[in-house]
Structures are given as C-alpha cells and as structure tokens.
C-alpha cells in the first residue's frame, strides 16, 4: 500500500508521539491497566452473551454471533466473521 505524503508525515508524527509517551516512567503500568480493563470488558460481554437464554438456538448461532460481536467491539477480529 502506497501512502501519500500527508499519510507518511502523519505516521511519522504519530510515531514520535508514541515514543514520547512510552518513554514516560508510568506508561507501562498505565498501558497494562488499560489493556486489562478492555480484556475484562470483552470477557464480561462474552459471558453475558453465553448466559443469555434469549440467544439460545439449536446451533448456538446467536450466541456465537454475540461473542464475535463483543470481540469485534473490542478490536479483536476474525476472518471467519464476515458481515
């Protein structure tokens, strides 16, 4: 993929800001807390979907769809889920 000049300059600026951010002494702990928070949120959504009797069907399609949607809402995608 060929990036435009604007996109290359933007990527460079974003990269610079990320390096500055990560060089802060509290950045690793802050990133770990944010990551854990997102993971816990995704897992809670998945458990709610699996425990929801309204999503029951013989092939569990609606539960699987709800689990995949929860993952996608948290930035985790699957090539097998293509709607």
N, C-alpha and C. Protein backbone atom coordinates (compact mmCIF):
# COMPACT_ATOMS: atom_id res chain seq x y z
N UNK A 1 0.85 -1.17 0.00
CA UNK A 1 0.00 0.00 0.00
C UNK A 1 0.90 1.24 0.00
N UNK A 2 0.66 2.09 -0.95
CA UNK A 2 1.43 3.32 -1.08
C UNK A 2 0.75 4.43 -0.27
N UNK A 3 1.50 5.04 0.64
CA UNK A 3 0.98 6.12 1.45
C UNK A 3 1.24 7.46 0.77
N UNK A 4 0.31 8.37 0.93
CA UNK A 4 0.50 9.73 0.41
C UNK A 4 1.52 10.45 1.29
N UNK A 5 1.98 11.58 0.82
CA UNK A 5 2.92 12.38 1.61
C UNK A 5 2.29 12.75 2.94
N UNK A 6 1.03 13.17 2.91
CA UNK A 6 0.33 13.53 4.15
C UNK A 6 0.30 12.35 5.12
N UNK A 7 -0.04 11.16 4.60
CA UNK A 7 -0.12 9.97 5.46
C UNK A 7 1.24 9.62 6.04
N UNK A 8 2.31 9.75 5.24
CA UNK A 8 3.65 9.46 5.75
C UNK A 8 4.05 10.45 6.83
N UNK A 9 3.73 11.73 6.62
CA UNK A 9 4.06 12.73 7.64
C UNK A 9 3.24 12.51 8.91
N UNK A 10 1.98 12.16 8.74
CA UNK A 10 1.12 11.89 9.89
C UNK A 10 1.65 10.67 10.66
N UNK A 11 2.03 9.62 9.94
CA UNK A 11 2.57 8.43 10.59
C UNK A 11 3.84 8.75 11.37
N UNK A 12 4.67 9.57 10.80
CA UNK A 12 5.91 9.96 11.49
C UNK A 12 5.58 10.74 12.76
N UNK A 13 4.64 11.68 12.66
CA UNK A 13 4.27 12.48 13.83
C UNK A 13 3.64 11.60 14.92
N UNK A 14 2.79 10.68 14.50
CA UNK A 14 2.16 9.77 15.47
C UNK A 14 3.21 8.90 16.12
N UNK A 15 4.13 8.39 15.33
CA UNK A 15 5.21 7.56 15.87
C UNK A 15 6.03 8.32 16.90
N UNK A 16 6.33 9.57 16.61
CA UNK A 16 7.10 10.40 17.54
C UNK A 16 6.35 10.57 18.85
N UNK A 17 5.07 10.81 18.78
CA UNK A 17 4.27 10.99 19.99
C UNK A 17 4.19 9.69 20.79
N UNK A 18 4.10 8.57 20.11
CA UNK A 18 4.07 7.28 20.81
C UNK A 18 5.38 7.03 21.53
N UNK A 19 6.49 7.32 20.87
CA UNK A 19 7.79 7.13 21.52
C UNK A 19 7.91 8.04 22.75
N UNK A 20 7.45 9.28 22.63
CA UNK A 20 7.47 10.19 23.79
C UNK A 20 6.61 9.63 24.92
N UNK A 21 5.43 9.15 24.58
CA UNK A 21 4.51 8.61 25.58
C UNK A 21 5.12 7.40 26.28
N UNK A 22 5.68 6.49 25.50
CA UNK A 22 6.23 5.27 26.07
C UNK A 22 7.48 5.51 26.90
N UNK A 23 8.13 6.64 26.70
CA UNK A 23 9.33 6.93 27.48
C UNK A 23 9.00 7.47 28.87
N UNK A 24 7.73 7.80 29.11
CA UNK A 24 7.32 8.20 30.46
C UNK A 24 7.46 7.02 31.39
N UNK A 25 7.84 7.30 32.63
CA UNK A 25 8.09 6.18 33.55
C UNK A 25 6.82 5.43 33.93
N UNK A 26 5.64 6.07 33.91
CA UNK A 26 4.41 5.39 34.29
C UNK A 26 3.66 4.80 33.11
N UNK A 27 4.18 4.95 31.90
CA UNK A 27 3.49 4.48 30.71
C UNK A 27 3.23 2.97 30.72
N UNK A 28 4.22 2.12 31.05
CA UNK A 28 3.93 0.67 31.03
C UNK A 28 2.80 0.26 31.97
N UNK A 29 2.76 0.83 33.15
CA UNK A 29 1.70 0.48 34.09
C UNK A 29 0.35 0.98 33.60
N UNK A 30 0.34 2.18 33.03
CA UNK A 30 -0.90 2.75 32.51
C UNK A 30 -1.42 1.92 31.34
N UNK A 31 -0.53 1.52 30.44
CA UNK A 31 -0.94 0.68 29.31
C UNK A 31 -1.44 -0.68 29.78
N UNK A 32 -0.79 -1.26 30.77
CA UNK A 32 -1.23 -2.55 31.30
C UNK A 32 -2.63 -2.43 31.89
N UNK A 33 -2.88 -1.36 32.62
CA UNK A 33 -4.20 -1.16 33.23
C UNK A 33 -5.28 -0.99 32.16
N UNK A 34 -4.98 -0.24 31.10
CA UNK A 34 -5.95 -0.05 30.02
C UNK A 34 -6.22 -1.36 29.29
N UNK A 35 -5.17 -2.12 29.06
CA UNK A 35 -5.31 -3.41 28.37
C UNK A 35 -6.14 -4.37 29.21
N UNK A 36 -5.84 -4.45 30.50
CA UNK A 36 -6.60 -5.34 31.38
C UNK A 36 -8.06 -4.92 31.43
N UNK A 37 -8.31 -3.63 31.49
CA UNK A 37 -9.68 -3.13 31.54
C UNK A 37 -10.45 -3.54 30.28
N UNK A 38 -9.85 -3.39 29.11
CA UNK A 38 -10.50 -3.79 27.85
C UNK A 38 -10.74 -5.29 27.82
N UNK A 39 -9.76 -6.06 28.30
CA UNK A 39 -9.89 -7.53 28.29
C UNK A 39 -11.03 -7.96 29.20
N UNK A 40 -11.10 -7.39 30.37
CA UNK A 40 -12.17 -7.74 31.32
C UNK A 40 -13.52 -7.34 30.74
N UNK A 41 -13.60 -6.19 30.09
CA UNK A 41 -14.84 -5.75 29.47
C UNK A 41 -15.28 -6.75 28.39
N UNK A 42 -14.35 -7.16 27.54
CA UNK A 42 -14.68 -8.12 26.48
C UNK A 42 -15.14 -9.45 27.06
N UNK A 43 -14.45 -9.93 28.09
CA UNK A 43 -14.83 -11.20 28.71
C UNK A 43 -16.21 -11.11 29.36
N UNK A 44 -16.51 -10.00 30.00
CA UNK A 44 -17.84 -9.82 30.60
C UNK A 44 -18.92 -9.84 29.53
N UNK A 45 -18.68 -9.20 28.40
CA UNK A 45 -19.66 -9.21 27.30
C UNK A 45 -19.86 -10.63 26.77
N UNK A 46 -18.79 -11.40 26.67
CA UNK A 46 -18.88 -12.77 26.18
C UNK A 46 -19.67 -13.64 27.17
N UNK A 47 -19.39 -13.52 28.45
CA UNK A 47 -20.12 -14.29 29.45
C UNK A 47 -21.60 -13.94 29.43
N UNK A 48 -21.92 -12.64 29.32
CA UNK A 48 -23.33 -12.24 29.23
C UNK A 48 -24.01 -12.87 28.01
N UNK A 49 -23.31 -12.90 26.88
CA UNK A 49 -23.87 -13.49 25.67
C UNK A 49 -24.11 -14.99 25.86
N UNK A 50 -23.16 -15.67 26.46
CA UNK A 50 -23.30 -17.12 26.66
C UNK A 50 -24.37 -17.46 27.69
N UNK A 51 -24.57 -16.58 28.66
CA UNK A 51 -25.56 -16.83 29.71
C UNK A 51 -26.96 -16.34 29.34
N UNK A 52 -27.11 -15.66 28.22
CA UNK A 52 -28.39 -15.07 27.84
C UNK A 52 -29.29 -16.11 27.19
N UNK A 53 -30.37 -16.54 27.89
CA UNK A 53 -31.24 -17.57 27.34
C UNK A 53 -32.00 -17.10 26.10
N UNK A 54 -32.12 -15.80 25.91
CA UNK A 54 -32.82 -15.28 24.73
C UNK A 54 -32.02 -15.54 23.46
N UNK A 55 -30.74 -15.85 23.59
CA UNK A 55 -29.90 -16.10 22.43
C UNK A 55 -29.79 -17.59 22.09
N UNK A 56 -30.57 -18.42 22.77
CA UNK A 56 -30.50 -19.86 22.54
C UNK A 56 -31.12 -20.24 21.20
N UNK A 57 -30.45 -21.07 20.48
CA UNK A 57 -30.97 -21.69 19.27
C UNK A 57 -30.23 -23.01 19.10
N UNK A 58 -30.73 -23.93 18.29
CA UNK A 58 -30.14 -25.27 18.22
C UNK A 58 -28.64 -25.28 17.89
N UNK A 59 -28.20 -24.41 17.03
CA UNK A 59 -26.79 -24.41 16.62
C UNK A 59 -25.97 -23.36 17.36
N UNK A 60 -26.56 -22.69 18.32
CA UNK A 60 -25.89 -21.63 19.10
C UNK A 60 -25.42 -20.48 18.22
N UNK A 61 -26.02 -20.32 17.05
CA UNK A 61 -25.58 -19.28 16.12
C UNK A 61 -25.65 -17.89 16.75
N UNK A 62 -26.76 -17.60 17.43
CA UNK A 62 -26.91 -16.26 18.01
C UNK A 62 -25.91 -16.01 19.12
N UNK A 63 -25.59 -17.03 19.91
CA UNK A 63 -24.57 -16.86 20.95
C UNK A 63 -23.19 -16.64 20.32
N UNK A 64 -22.88 -17.42 19.31
CA UNK A 64 -21.59 -17.25 18.63
C UNK A 64 -21.51 -15.86 18.01
N UNK A 65 -22.59 -15.43 17.39
CA UNK A 65 -22.63 -14.09 16.78
C UNK A 65 -22.42 -13.01 17.84
N UNK A 66 -23.03 -13.18 19.01
CA UNK A 66 -22.88 -12.20 20.09
C UNK A 66 -21.45 -12.19 20.62
N UNK A 67 -20.83 -13.36 20.73
CA UNK A 67 -19.44 -13.44 21.19
C UNK A 67 -18.53 -12.75 20.18
N UNK A 68 -18.70 -13.05 18.90
CA UNK A 68 -17.88 -12.41 17.88
C UNK A 68 -18.08 -10.90 17.85
N UNK A 69 -19.31 -10.47 18.04
CA UNK A 69 -19.59 -9.03 18.08
C UNK A 69 -18.90 -8.37 19.26
N UNK A 70 -18.90 -9.04 20.41
CA UNK A 70 -18.22 -8.49 21.59
C UNK A 70 -16.73 -8.39 21.34
N UNK A 71 -16.16 -9.41 20.72
CA UNK A 71 -14.73 -9.36 20.40
C UNK A 71 -14.43 -8.23 19.42
N UNK A 72 -15.24 -8.12 18.36
CA UNK A 72 -15.03 -7.07 17.37
C UNK A 72 -15.18 -5.68 17.97
N UNK A 73 -16.11 -5.53 18.90
CA UNK A 73 -16.30 -4.23 19.56
C UNK A 73 -15.08 -3.83 20.38
N UNK A 74 -14.26 -4.82 20.71
CA UNK A 74 -13.04 -4.57 21.48
C UNK A 74 -11.78 -4.70 20.63
N UNK A 75 -11.96 -4.62 19.31
CA UNK A 75 -10.82 -4.58 18.41
C UNK A 75 -10.21 -5.92 18.06
N UNK A 76 -10.91 -7.02 18.36
CA UNK A 76 -10.40 -8.35 18.04
C UNK A 76 -11.27 -8.91 16.93
N UNK A 77 -10.69 -9.07 15.74
CA UNK A 77 -11.48 -9.50 14.59
C UNK A 77 -11.12 -10.92 14.20
N UNK A 78 -11.99 -11.50 13.38
CA UNK A 78 -11.79 -12.86 12.89
C UNK A 78 -12.11 -12.89 11.40
N UNK A 79 -11.29 -13.55 10.63
CA UNK A 79 -11.54 -13.69 9.21
C UNK A 79 -12.78 -14.55 8.95
N UNK A 80 -13.17 -15.33 9.92
CA UNK A 80 -14.34 -16.20 9.76
C UNK A 80 -15.66 -15.45 9.95
N UNK A 81 -15.58 -14.22 10.40
CA UNK A 81 -16.77 -13.42 10.68
C UNK A 81 -16.81 -12.29 9.68
N UNK A 82 -17.66 -12.42 8.67
CA UNK A 82 -17.56 -11.51 7.53
C UNK A 82 -18.83 -10.73 7.20
N UNK A 83 -19.56 -10.27 8.21
CA UNK A 83 -20.71 -9.45 7.83
C UNK A 83 -20.36 -8.01 7.85
